[in-house]
Amino acid sequence: KLNIVAVIPVRDENLELAGKPLFEYSINHAKQSKYIKKIVVSTGDGQIASQAELLGAEVPFLRDEEHSHFDVILEKLMQYVLQELEKRGVFPDIFVMLEITFPFILSLLL
C-alpha cells in the first residue's frame, strides 16, 4: 500500500467559516479519506498546532521563521515540509497538499 500523506499548510492566522477554523474542514475531510494515511499540518503557530492535534492531525514540527512568512512560495514550503518529514523518518510515496481555502474538497478525497 502507498504511504499517502496529506499536508495542510496553515498560516499564523486563524481564519474561520461558520464558527470553525478553516483548517478543521481540511483535517476532517482528510480523516474520511480511504487513501490518506497521515495528516500533517504545517504551521509556525503553537496554538494552531495544538488545535490541529486535538482534531487528529499531526504537527511534527513548527515551521521556522523563513517559511512562515505570508509571501512564502508554496513550492518552497512543500520542499521544506518534505525535508522536515524525512528527517523524522516519514517518507511519503505520494503527498497531497490540502489548502484550507478549499473547505469543501471532500469529493476529491474519497
PDB file of N, CA and C in Angstrom:
ATOM      1  N   LYS A   1       0.831  -1.186   0.000  1.00  0.00           N
ATOM      2  CA  LYS A   1       0.000   0.000   0.000  1.00  0.00           C
ATOM      3  C   LYS A   1       0.876   1.250   0.000  1.00  0.00           C
ATOM      4  N   LEU A   2       0.393   2.259  -0.655  1.00  0.00           N
ATOM      5  CA  LEU A   2       1.134   3.513  -0.736  1.00  0.00           C
ATOM      6  C   LEU A   2       0.988   4.322   0.545  1.00  0.00           C
ATOM      7  N   ASN A   3       2.071   4.967   0.912  1.00  0.00           N
ATOM      8  CA  ASN A   3       2.057   5.876   2.056  1.00  0.00           C
ATOM      9  C   ASN A   3       1.684   7.259   1.544  1.00  0.00           C
ATOM     10  N   ILE A   4       0.398   7.598   1.669  1.00  0.00           N
ATOM     11  CA  ILE A   4      -0.097   8.880   1.178  1.00  0.00           C
ATOM     12  C   ILE A   4      -0.276   9.821   2.360  1.00  0.00           C
ATOM     13  N   VAL A   5       0.401  10.952   2.287  1.00  0.00           N
ATOM     14  CA  VAL A   5       0.392  11.932   3.365  1.00  0.00           C
ATOM     15  C   VAL A   5      -0.278  13.207   2.865  1.00  0.00           C
ATOM     16  N   ALA A   6      -1.240  13.696   3.644  1.00  0.00           N
ATOM     17  CA  ALA A   6      -1.866  14.989   3.353  1.00  0.00           C
ATOM     18  C   ALA A   6      -1.133  16.055   4.148  1.00  0.00           C
ATOM     19  N   VAL A   7      -0.718  17.103   3.479  1.00  0.00           N
ATOM     20  CA  VAL A   7      -0.065  18.232   4.134  1.00  0.00           C
ATOM     21  C   VAL A   7      -1.013  19.424   4.042  1.00  0.00           C
ATOM     22  N   ILE A   8      -1.317  20.001   5.191  1.00  0.00           N
ATOM     23  CA  ILE A   8      -2.219  21.149   5.254  1.00  0.00           C
ATOM     24  C   ILE A   8      -1.427  22.347   5.767  1.00  0.00           C
ATOM     25  N   PRO A   9      -1.043  23.260   4.867  1.00  0.00           N
ATOM     26  CA  PRO A   9      -0.312  24.449   5.321  1.00  0.00           C
ATOM     27  C   PRO A   9      -1.287  25.459   5.924  1.00  0.00           C
ATOM     28  N   VAL A  10      -0.964  25.928   7.125  1.00  0.00           N
ATOM     29  CA  VAL A  10      -1.807  26.906   7.819  1.00  0.00           C
ATOM     30  C   VAL A  10      -0.930  28.069   8.229  1.00  0.00           C
ATOM     31  N   ARG A  11      -1.275  29.254   7.743  1.00  0.00           N
ATOM     32  CA  ARG A  11      -0.531  30.443   8.147  1.00  0.00           C
ATOM     33  C   ARG A  11      -0.851  30.763   9.590  1.00  0.00           C
ATOM     34  N   ASP A  12      -0.117  31.669  10.137  1.00  0.00           N
ATOM     35  CA  ASP A  12      -0.273  32.023  11.543  1.00  0.00           C
ATOM     36  C   ASP A  12      -1.441  32.983  11.762  1.00  0.00           C
ATOM     37  N   GLU A  13      -2.534  32.655  11.128  1.00  0.00           N
ATOM     38  CA  GLU A  13      -3.767  33.403  11.332  1.00  0.00           C
ATOM     39  C   GLU A  13      -4.881  32.366  11.337  1.00  0.00           C
ATOM     40  N   ASN A  14      -5.893  32.603  12.102  1.00  0.00           N
ATOM     41  CA  ASN A  14      -6.916  31.590  12.291  1.00  0.00           C
ATOM     42  C   ASN A  14      -8.208  32.029  11.618  1.00  0.00           C
ATOM     43  N   LEU A  15      -8.300  31.820  10.306  1.00  0.00           N
ATOM     44  CA  LEU A  15      -9.496  32.176   9.562  1.00  0.00           C
ATOM     45  C   LEU A  15     -10.597  31.173   9.860  1.00  0.00           C
ATOM     46  N   GLU A  16     -11.840  31.658   9.948  1.00  0.00           N
ATOM     47  CA  GLU A  16     -12.954  30.789  10.299  1.00  0.00           C
ATOM     48  C   GLU A  16     -14.063  30.843   9.256  1.00  0.00           C
ATOM     49  N   LEU A  17     -14.831  29.759   9.225  1.00  0.00           N
ATOM     50  CA  LEU A  17     -16.034  29.664   8.419  1.00  0.00           C
ATOM     51  C   LEU A  17     -17.077  28.948   9.266  1.00  0.00           C
ATOM     52  N   ALA A  18     -18.214  29.582   9.470  1.00  0.00           N
ATOM     53  CA  ALA A  18     -19.306  29.018  10.276  1.00  0.00           C
ATOM     54  C   ALA A  18     -18.826  28.632  11.677  1.00  0.00           C
ATOM     55  N   GLY A  19     -17.949  29.471  12.248  1.00  0.00           N
ATOM     56  CA  GLY A  19     -17.500  29.252  13.616  1.00  0.00           C
ATOM     57  C   GLY A  19     -16.400  28.225  13.797  1.00  0.00           C
ATOM     58  N   LYS A  20     -15.875  27.673  12.703  1.00  0.00           N
ATOM     59  CA  LYS A  20     -14.791  26.689  12.784  1.00  0.00           C
ATOM     60  C   LYS A  20     -13.578  27.224  12.035  1.00  0.00           C
ATOM     61  N   PRO A  21     -12.386  26.908  12.525  1.00  0.00           N
ATOM     62  CA  PRO A  21     -11.193  27.291  11.757  1.00  0.00           C
ATOM     63  C   PRO A  21     -11.203  26.579  10.398  1.00  0.00           C
ATOM     64  N   LEU A  22     -10.785  27.267   9.364  1.00  0.00           N
ATOM     65  CA  LEU A  22     -10.798  26.660   8.032  1.00  0.00           C
ATOM     66  C   LEU A  22     -10.016  25.350   7.977  1.00  0.00           C
ATOM     67  N   PHE A  23      -8.917  25.272   8.708  1.00  0.00           N
ATOM     68  CA  PHE A  23      -8.118  24.042   8.640  1.00  0.00           C
ATOM     69  C   PHE A  23      -8.865  22.844   9.220  1.00  0.00           C
ATOM     70  N   GLU A  24      -9.860  23.075  10.065  1.00  0.00           N
ATOM     71  CA  GLU A  24     -10.642  21.975  10.632  1.00  0.00           C
ATOM     72  C   GLU A  24     -11.377  21.215   9.522  1.00  0.00           C
ATOM     73  N   TYR A  25     -11.898  21.932   8.540  1.00  0.00           N
ATOM     74  CA  TYR A  25     -12.583  21.276   7.425  1.00  0.00           C
ATOM     75  C   TYR A  25     -11.625  20.356   6.670  1.00  0.00           C
ATOM     76  N   SER A  26     -10.428  20.854   6.398  1.00  0.00           N
ATOM     77  CA  SER A  26      -9.442  20.050   5.658  1.00  0.00           C
ATOM     78  C   SER A  26      -9.044  18.816   6.444  1.00  0.00           C
ATOM     79  N   ILE A  27      -8.824  18.968   7.743  1.00  0.00           N
ATOM     80  CA  ILE A  27      -8.460  17.815   8.574  1.00  0.00           C
ATOM     81  C   ILE A  27      -9.582  16.788   8.572  1.00  0.00           C
ATOM     82  N   ASN A  28     -10.807  17.234   8.774  1.00  0.00           N
ATOM     83  CA  ASN A  28     -11.935  16.305   8.828  1.00  0.00           C
ATOM     84  C   ASN A  28     -12.134  15.567   7.513  1.00  0.00           C
ATOM     85  N   HIS A  29     -11.978  16.259   6.388  1.00  0.00           N
ATOM     86  CA  HIS A  29     -12.113  15.594   5.097  1.00  0.00           C
ATOM     87  C   HIS A  29     -10.992  14.584   4.885  1.00  0.00           C
ATOM     88  N   ALA A  30      -9.788  14.948   5.252  1.00  0.00           N
ATOM     89  CA  ALA A  30      -8.658  14.029   5.095  1.00  0.00           C
ATOM     90  C   ALA A  30      -8.853  12.783   5.956  1.00  0.00           C
ATOM     91  N   LYS A  31      -9.417  12.948   7.143  1.00  0.00           N
ATOM     92  CA  LYS A  31      -9.672  11.803   8.026  1.00  0.00           C
ATOM     93  C   LYS A  31     -10.689  10.836   7.420  1.00  0.00           C
ATOM     94  N   GLN A  32     -11.565  11.323   6.574  1.00  0.00           N
ATOM     95  CA  GLN A  32     -12.586  10.483   5.949  1.00  0.00           C
ATOM     96  C   GLN A  32     -12.071   9.739   4.716  1.00  0.00           C
ATOM     97  N   SER A  33     -10.922  10.137   4.216  1.00  0.00           N
ATOM     98  CA  SER A  33     -10.377   9.526   3.012  1.00  0.00           C
ATOM     99  C   SER A  33      -9.883   8.117   3.285  1.00  0.00           C
ATOM    100  N   LYS A  34     -10.164   7.215   2.364  1.00  0.00           N
ATOM    101  CA  LYS A  34      -9.651   5.847   2.493  1.00  0.00           C
ATOM    102  C   LYS A  34      -8.219   5.743   1.964  1.00  0.00           C
ATOM    103  N   TYR A  35      -7.710   6.799   1.375  1.00  0.00           N
ATOM    104  CA  TYR A  35      -6.371   6.780   0.784  1.00  0.00           C
ATOM    105  C   TYR A  35      -5.306   7.417   1.672  1.00  0.00           C
ATOM    106  N   ILE A  36      -5.670   8.458   2.364  1.00  0.00           N
ATOM    107  CA  ILE A  36      -4.697   9.214   3.152  1.00  0.00           C
ATOM    108  C   ILE A  36      -4.368   8.468   4.439  1.00  0.00           C
ATOM    109  N   LYS A  37      -3.076   8.252   4.663  1.00  0.00           N
ATOM    110  CA  LYS A  37      -2.613   7.504   5.839  1.00  0.00           C
ATOM    111  C   LYS A  37      -2.149   8.406   6.977  1.00  0.00           C
ATOM    112  N   LYS A  38      -1.745   9.624   6.648  1.00  0.00           N
ATOM    113  CA  LYS A  38      -1.227  10.538   7.661  1.00  0.00           C
ATOM    114  C   LYS A  38      -1.633  11.956   7.267  1.00  0.00           C
ATOM    115  N   ILE A  39      -2.032  12.740   8.286  1.00  0.00           N
ATOM    116  CA  ILE A  39      -2.421  14.128   8.073  1.00  0.00           C
ATOM    117  C   ILE A  39      -1.449  15.003   8.845  1.00  0.00           C
ATOM    118  N   VAL A  40      -0.735  15.854   8.128  1.00  0.00           N
ATOM    119  CA  VAL A  40       0.264  16.724   8.734  1.00  0.00           C
ATOM    120  C   VAL A  40      -0.140  18.177   8.518  1.00  0.00           C
ATOM    121  N   VAL A  41      -0.219  18.928   9.594  1.00  0.00           N
ATOM    122  CA  VAL A  41      -0.458  20.363   9.496  1.00  0.00           C
ATOM    123  C   VAL A  41       0.883  21.062   9.626  1.00  0.00           C
ATOM    124  N   SER A  42       1.140  21.971   8.703  1.00  0.00           N
ATOM    125  CA  SER A  42       2.370  22.752   8.715  1.00  0.00           C
ATOM    126  C   SER A  42       2.027  24.175   9.118  1.00  0.00           C
ATOM    127  N   THR A  43       2.527  24.600  10.264  1.00  0.00           N
ATOM    128  CA  THR A  43       2.276  25.940  10.779  1.00  0.00           C
ATOM    129  C   THR A  43       3.459  26.372  11.629  1.00  0.00           C
ATOM    130  N   GLY A  44       3.543  27.653  11.853  1.00  0.00           N
ATOM    131  CA  GLY A  44       4.554  28.180  12.761  1.00  0.00           C
ATOM    132  C   GLY A  44       3.937  28.637  14.070  1.00  0.00           C
ATOM    133  N   ASP A  45       2.636  28.426  14.229  1.00  0.00           N
ATOM    134  CA  ASP A  45       1.880  28.910  15.384  1.00  0.00           C
ATOM    135  C   ASP A  45       1.555  27.763  16.337  1.00  0.00           C
ATOM    136  N   GLY A  46       2.016  27.876  17.571  1.00  0.00           N
ATOM    137  CA  GLY A  46       1.803  26.818  18.555  1.00  0.00           C
ATOM    138  C   GLY A  46       0.350  26.575  18.889  1.00  0.00           C
ATOM    139  N   GLN A  47      -0.454  27.629  18.927  1.00  0.00           N
ATOM    140  CA  GLN A  47      -1.877  27.464  19.240  1.00  0.00           C
ATOM    141  C   GLN A  47      -2.598  26.716  18.118  1.00  0.00           C
ATOM    142  N   ILE A  48      -2.298  27.061  16.876  1.00  0.00           N
ATOM    143  CA  ILE A  48      -2.879  26.343  15.738  1.00  0.00           C
ATOM    144  C   ILE A  48      -2.426  24.895  15.764  1.00  0.00           C
ATOM    145  N   ALA A  49      -1.167  24.661  16.089  1.00  0.00           N
ATOM    146  CA  ALA A  49      -0.643  23.295  16.173  1.00  0.00           C
ATOM    147  C   ALA A  49      -1.428  22.488  17.206  1.00  0.00           C
ATOM    148  N   SER A  50      -1.670  23.065  18.356  1.00  0.00           N
ATOM    149  CA  SER A  50      -2.425  22.368  19.406  1.00  0.00           C
ATOM    150  C   SER A  50      -3.843  22.046  18.957  1.00  0.00           C
ATOM    151  N   GLN A  51      -4.499  23.016  18.318  1.00  0.00           N
ATOM    152  CA  GLN A  51      -5.852  22.790  17.812  1.00  0.00           C
ATOM    153  C   GLN A  51      -5.859  21.666  16.778  1.00  0.00           C
ATOM    154  N   ALA A  52      -4.893  21.693  15.876  1.00  0.00           N
ATOM    155  CA  ALA A  52      -4.813  20.681  14.817  1.00  0.00           C
ATOM    156  C   ALA A  52      -4.617  19.285  15.407  1.00  0.00           C
ATOM    157  N   GLU A  53      -3.776  19.174  16.412  1.00  0.00           N
ATOM    158  CA  GLU A  53      -3.543  17.881  17.046  1.00  0.00           C
ATOM    159  C   GLU A  53      -4.801  17.378  17.751  1.00  0.00           C
ATOM    160  N   LEU A  54      -5.542  18.276  18.382  1.00  0.00           N
ATOM    161  CA  LEU A  54      -6.806  17.880  19.018  1.00  0.00           C
ATOM    162  C   LEU A  54      -7.807  17.360  17.987  1.00  0.00           C
ATOM    163  N   LEU A  55      -7.708  17.837  16.767  1.00  0.00           N
ATOM    164  CA  LEU A  55      -8.609  17.407  15.694  1.00  0.00           C
ATOM    165  C   LEU A  55      -8.141  16.124  15.013  1.00  0.00           C
ATOM    166  N   GLY A  56      -6.969  15.619  15.385  1.00  0.00           N
ATOM    167  CA  GLY A  56      -6.493  14.354  14.830  1.00  0.00           C
ATOM    168  C   GLY A  56      -5.373  14.455  13.824  1.00  0.00           C
ATOM    169  N   ALA A  57      -4.863  15.646  13.599  1.00  0.00           N
ATOM    170  CA  ALA A  57      -3.722  15.801  12.691  1.00  0.00           C
ATOM    171  C   ALA A  57      -2.422  15.715  13.483  1.00  0.00           C
ATOM    172  N   GLU A  58      -1.336  15.556  12.771  1.00  0.00           N
ATOM    173  CA  GLU A  58      -0.018  15.576  13.386  1.00  0.00           C
ATOM    174  C   GLU A  58       0.659  16.899  13.048  1.00  0.00           C
ATOM    175  N   VAL A  59       1.398  17.408  14.010  1.00  0.00           N
ATOM    176  CA  VAL A  59       2.230  18.600  13.786  1.00  0.00           C
ATOM    177  C   VAL A  59       3.615  18.234  14.316  1.00  0.00           C
ATOM    178  N   PRO A  60       4.397  17.533  13.492  1.00  0.00           N
ATOM    179  CA  PRO A  60       5.684  17.028  13.964  1.00  0.00           C
ATOM    180  C   PRO A  60       6.751  18.098  14.185  1.00  0.00           C
ATOM    181  N   PHE A  61       6.499  19.305  13.689  1.00  0.00           N
ATOM    182  CA  PHE A  61       7.439  20.416  13.867  1.00  0.00           C
ATOM    183  C   PHE A  61       6.694  21.713  13.590  1.00  0.00           C
ATOM    184  N   LEU A  62       7.196  22.787  14.165  1.00  0.00           N
ATOM    185  CA  LEU A  62       6.700  24.118  13.836  1.00  0.00           C
ATOM    186  C   LEU A  62       7.600  24.697  12.752  1.00  0.00           C
ATOM    187  N   ARG A  63       6.995  25.375  11.806  1.00  0.00           N
ATOM    188  CA  ARG A  63       7.773  25.992  10.731  1.00  0.00           C
ATOM    189  C   ARG A  63       8.737  27.017  11.284  1.00  0.00           C
ATOM    190  N   ASP A  64       9.899  27.090  10.659  1.00  0.00           N
ATOM    191  CA  ASP A  64      10.844  28.130  11.037  1.00  0.00           C
ATOM    192  C   ASP A  64      10.381  29.474  10.472  1.00  0.00           C
ATOM    193  N   GLU A  65      11.013  30.538  10.912  1.00  0.00           N
ATOM    194  CA  GLU A  65      10.590  31.889  10.522  1.00  0.00           C
ATOM    195  C   GLU A  65      10.662  32.107   9.009  1.00  0.00           C
ATOM    196  N   GLU A  66      11.681  31.562   8.384  1.00  0.00           N
ATOM    197  CA  GLU A  66      11.853  31.735   6.938  1.00  0.00           C
ATOM    198  C   GLU A  66      10.664  31.208   6.149  1.00  0.00           C
ATOM    199  N   HIS A  67      10.035  30.146   6.631  1.00  0.00           N
ATOM    200  CA  HIS A  67       8.936  29.518   5.910  1.00  0.00           C
ATOM    201  C   HIS A  67       7.571  29.874   6.478  1.00  0.00           C
ATOM    202  N   SER A  68       7.530  30.842   7.370  1.00  0.00           N
ATOM    203  CA  SER A  68       6.270  31.255   7.979  1.00  0.00           C
ATOM    204  C   SER A  68       5.753  32.590   7.452  1.00  0.00           C
ATOM    205  N   HIS A  69       6.490  33.201   6.563  1.00  0.00           N
ATOM    206  CA  HIS A  69       6.064  34.494   6.027  1.00  0.00           C
ATOM    207  C   HIS A  69       4.842  34.346   5.142  1.00  0.00           C
ATOM    208  N   PHE A  70       4.060  35.404   5.080  1.00  0.00           N
ATOM    209  CA  PHE A  70       2.839  35.428   4.281  1.00  0.00           C
ATOM    210  C   PHE A  70       3.115  35.177   2.798  1.00  0.00           C
ATOM    211  N   ASP A  71       4.270  35.635   2.320  1.00  0.00           N
ATOM    212  CA  ASP A  71       4.571  35.542   0.893  1.00  0.00           C
ATOM    213  C   ASP A  71       5.488  34.379   0.517  1.00  0.00           C
ATOM    214  N   VAL A  72       5.606  33.390   1.389  1.00  0.00           N
ATOM    215  CA  VAL A  72       6.463  32.250   1.076  1.00  0.00           C
ATOM    216  C   VAL A  72       5.903  31.521  -0.151  1.00  0.00           C
ATOM    217  N   ILE A  73       6.790  31.133  -1.041  1.00  0.00           N
ATOM    218  CA  ILE A  73       6.387  30.418  -2.255  1.00  0.00           C
ATOM    219  C   ILE A  73       5.975  29.004  -1.860  1.00  0.00           C
ATOM    220  N   LEU A  74       4.797  28.608  -2.297  1.00  0.00           N
ATOM    221  CA  LEU A  74       4.228  27.332  -1.883  1.00  0.00           C
ATOM    222  C   LEU A  74       5.125  26.145  -2.234  1.00  0.00           C
ATOM    223  N   GLU A  75       5.742  26.176  -3.398  1.00  0.00           N
ATOM    224  CA  GLU A  75       6.647  25.095  -3.797  1.00  0.00           C
ATOM    225  C   GLU A  75       7.822  24.987  -2.815  1.00  0.00           C
ATOM    226  N   LYS A  76       8.369  26.127  -2.421  1.00  0.00           N
ATOM    227  CA  LYS A  76       9.481  26.150  -1.464  1.00  0.00           C
ATOM    228  C   LYS A  76       9.014  25.613  -0.107  1.00  0.00           C
ATOM    229  N   LEU A  77       7.806  25.984   0.288  1.00  0.00           N
ATOM    230  CA  LEU A  77       7.259  25.494   1.554  1.00  0.00           C
ATOM    231  C   LEU A  77       7.089  23.983   1.529  1.00  0.00           C
ATOM    232  N   MET A  78       6.569  23.436   0.443  1.00  0.00           N
ATOM    233  CA  MET A  78       6.357  21.989   0.360  1.00  0.00           C
ATOM    234  C   MET A  78       7.690  21.237   0.369  1.00  0.00           C
ATOM    235  N   GLN A  79       8.699  21.778  -0.286  1.00  0.00           N
ATOM    236  CA  GLN A  79      10.026  21.150  -0.242  1.00  0.00           C
ATOM    237  C   GLN A  79      10.543  21.128   1.191  1.00  0.00           C
ATOM    238  N   TYR A  80      10.371  22.223   1.891  1.00  0.00           N
ATOM    239  CA  TYR A  80      10.783  22.316   3.301  1.00  0.00           C
ATOM    240  C   TYR A  80      10.043  21.285   4.148  1.00  0.00           C
ATOM    241  N   VAL A  81       8.717  21.198   3.973  1.00  0.00           N
ATOM    242  CA  VAL A  81       7.915  20.251   4.756  1.00  0.00           C
ATOM    243  C   VAL A  81       8.381  18.824   4.485  1.00  0.00           C
ATOM    244  N   LEU A  82       8.593  18.478   3.230  1.00  0.00           N
ATOM    245  CA  LEU A  82       9.041  17.117   2.908  1.00  0.00           C
ATOM    246  C   LEU A  82      10.416  16.818   3.509  1.00  0.00           C
ATOM    247  N   GLN A  83      11.316  17.779   3.473  1.00  0.00           N
ATOM    248  CA  GLN A  83      12.638  17.579   4.077  1.00  0.00           C
ATOM    249  C   GLN A  83      12.517  17.351   5.584  1.00  0.00           C
ATOM    250  N   GLU A  84      11.665  18.145   6.226  1.00  0.00           N
ATOM    251  CA  GLU A  84      11.482  18.001   7.671  1.00  0.00           C
ATOM    252  C   GLU A  84      10.832  16.660   8.017  1.00  0.00           C
ATOM    253  N   LEU A  85       9.893  16.224   7.205  1.00  0.00           N
ATOM    254  CA  LEU A  85       9.268  14.918   7.444  1.00  0.00           C
ATOM    255  C   LEU A  85      10.290  13.795   7.292  1.00  0.00           C
ATOM    256  N   GLU A  86      11.124  13.895   6.257  1.00  0.00           N
ATOM    257  CA  GLU A  86      12.149  12.867   6.042  1.00  0.00           C
ATOM    258  C   GLU A  86      13.133  12.815   7.203  1.00  0.00           C
ATOM    259  N   LYS A  87      13.474  13.966   7.796  1.00  0.00           N
ATOM    260  CA  LYS A  87      14.344  13.995   8.975  1.00  0.00           C
ATOM    261  C   LYS A  87      13.731  13.213  10.132  1.00  0.00           C
ATOM    262  N   ARG A  88      12.408  13.124  10.130  1.00  0.00           N
ATOM    263  CA  ARG A  88      11.674  12.451  11.206  1.00  0.00           C
ATOM    264  C   ARG A  88      11.233  11.043  10.806  1.00  0.00           C
ATOM    265  N   GLY A  89      11.789  10.538   9.703  1.00  0.00           N
ATOM    266  CA  GLY A  89      11.509   9.172   9.283  1.00  0.00           C
ATOM    267  C   GLY A  89      10.217   8.972   8.521  1.00  0.00           C
ATOM    268  N   VAL A  90       9.639  10.035   8.012  1.00  0.00           N
ATOM    269  CA  VAL A  90       8.404   9.929   7.229  1.00  0.00           C
ATOM    270  C   VAL A  90       8.765  10.117   5.765  1.00  0.00           C
ATOM    271  N   PHE A  91       8.521   9.065   4.962  1.00  0.00           N
ATOM    272  CA  PHE A  91       8.868   9.091   3.546  1.00  0.00           C
ATOM    273  C   PHE A  91       7.617   8.793   2.716  1.00  0.00           C
ATOM    274  N   PRO A  92       6.850   9.831   2.379  1.00  0.00           N
ATOM    275  CA  PRO A  92       5.616   9.597   1.624  1.00  0.00           C
ATOM    276  C   PRO A  92       5.904   9.095   0.213  1.00  0.00           C
ATOM    277  N   ASP A  93       5.075   8.151  -0.244  1.00  0.00           N
ATOM    278  CA  ASP A  93       5.109   7.761  -1.657  1.00  0.00           C
ATOM    279  C   ASP A  93       4.423   8.852  -2.477  1.00  0.00           C
ATOM    280  N   ILE A  94       3.377   9.387  -1.892  1.00  0.00           N
ATOM    281  CA  ILE A  94       2.611  10.471  -2.515  1.00  0.00           C
ATOM    282  C   ILE A  94       2.241  11.437  -1.405  1.00  0.00           C
ATOM    283  N   PHE A  95       2.308  12.723  -1.702  1.00  0.00           N
ATOM    284  CA  PHE A  95       1.762  13.675  -0.746  1.00  0.00           C
ATOM    285  C   PHE A  95       0.820  14.601  -1.481  1.00  0.00           C
ATOM    286  N   VAL A  96      -0.238  14.935  -0.785  1.00  0.00           N
ATOM    287  CA  VAL A  96      -1.212  15.863  -1.336  1.00  0.00           C
ATOM    288  C   VAL A  96      -1.254  17.078  -0.441  1.00  0.00           C
ATOM    289  N   MET A  97      -1.373  18.220  -1.052  1.00  0.00           N
ATOM    290  CA  MET A  97      -1.485  19.442  -0.276  1.00  0.00           C
ATOM    291  C   MET A  97      -2.949  19.851  -0.277  1.00  0.00           C
ATOM    292  N   LEU A  98      -3.490  20.035   0.903  1.00  0.00           N
ATOM    293  CA  LEU A  98      -4.870  20.484   1.040  1.00  0.00           C
ATOM    294  C   LEU A  98      -4.840  21.912   1.553  1.00  0.00           C
ATOM    295  N   GLU A  99      -5.192  22.833   0.692  1.00  0.00           N
ATOM    296  CA  GLU A  99      -5.215  24.233   1.116  1.00  0.00           C
ATOM    297  C   GLU A  99      -6.505  24.499   1.872  1.00  0.00           C
ATOM    298  N   ILE A 100      -6.400  25.244   2.940  1.00  0.00           N
ATOM    299  CA  ILE A 100      -7.571  25.497   3.767  1.00  0.00           C
ATOM    300  C   ILE A 100      -8.594  26.385   3.084  1.00  0.00           C
ATOM    301  N   THR A 101      -8.208  27.015   2.003  1.00  0.00           N
ATOM    302  CA  THR A 101      -9.136  27.889   1.286  1.00  0.00           C
ATOM    303  C   THR A 101     -10.104  27.107   0.396  1.00  0.00           C
ATOM    304  N   PHE A 102     -10.030  25.791   0.430  1.00  0.00           N
ATOM    305  CA  PHE A 102     -10.962  24.917  -0.289  1.00  0.00           C
ATOM    306  C   PHE A 102     -11.625  23.973   0.714  1.00  0.00           C
ATOM    307  N   PRO A 103     -12.488  24.503   1.589  1.00  0.00           N
ATOM    308  CA  PRO A 103     -13.028  23.681   2.674  1.00  0.00           C
ATOM    309  C   PRO A 103     -14.015  22.604   2.230  1.00  0.00           C
ATOM    310  N   PHE A 104     -14.451  22.612   0.977  1.00  0.00           N
ATOM    311  CA  PHE A 104     -15.439  21.635   0.530  1.00  0.00           C
ATOM    312  C   PHE A 104     -14.871  20.693  -0.523  1.00  0.00           C
ATOM    313  N   ILE A 105     -13.664  20.222  -0.310  1.00  0.00           N
ATOM    314  CA  ILE A 105     -12.942  19.397  -1.258  1.00  0.00           C
ATOM    315  C   ILE A 105     -13.236  17.902  -1.095  1.00  0.00           C
ATOM    316  N   LEU A 106     -14.125  17.556  -0.216  1.00  0.00           N
ATOM    317  CA  LEU A 106     -14.389  16.166   0.158  1.00  0.00           C
ATOM    318  C   LEU A 106     -14.505  15.224  -1.021  1.00  0.00           C
ATOM    319  N   SER A 107     -15.226  15.569  -2.042  1.00  0.00           N
ATOM    320  CA  SER A 107     -15.467  14.640  -3.134  1.00  0.00           C
ATOM    321  C   SER A 107     -14.189  14.206  -3.849  1.00  0.00           C
ATOM    322  N   LEU A 108     -13.142  14.982  -3.754  1.00  0.00           N
ATOM    323  CA  LEU A 108     -11.887  14.614  -4.401  1.00  0.00           C
ATOM    324  C   LEU A 108     -11.067  13.627  -3.604  1.00  0.00           C
ATOM    325  N   LEU A 109     -11.359  13.485  -2.321  1.00  0.00           N
ATOM    326  CA  LEU A 109     -10.515  12.667  -1.448  1.00  0.00           C
ATOM    327  C   LEU A 109     -11.025  11.251  -1.242  1.00  0.00           C
ATOM    328  N   LEU A 110     -12.291  11.038  -1.361  1.00  0.00           N
ATOM    329  CA  LEU A 110     -12.850   9.721  -1.015  1.00  0.00           C
ATOM    330  C   LEU A 110     -12.710   8.721  -2.117  1.00  0.00           C
TER     331      LEU A 110
END
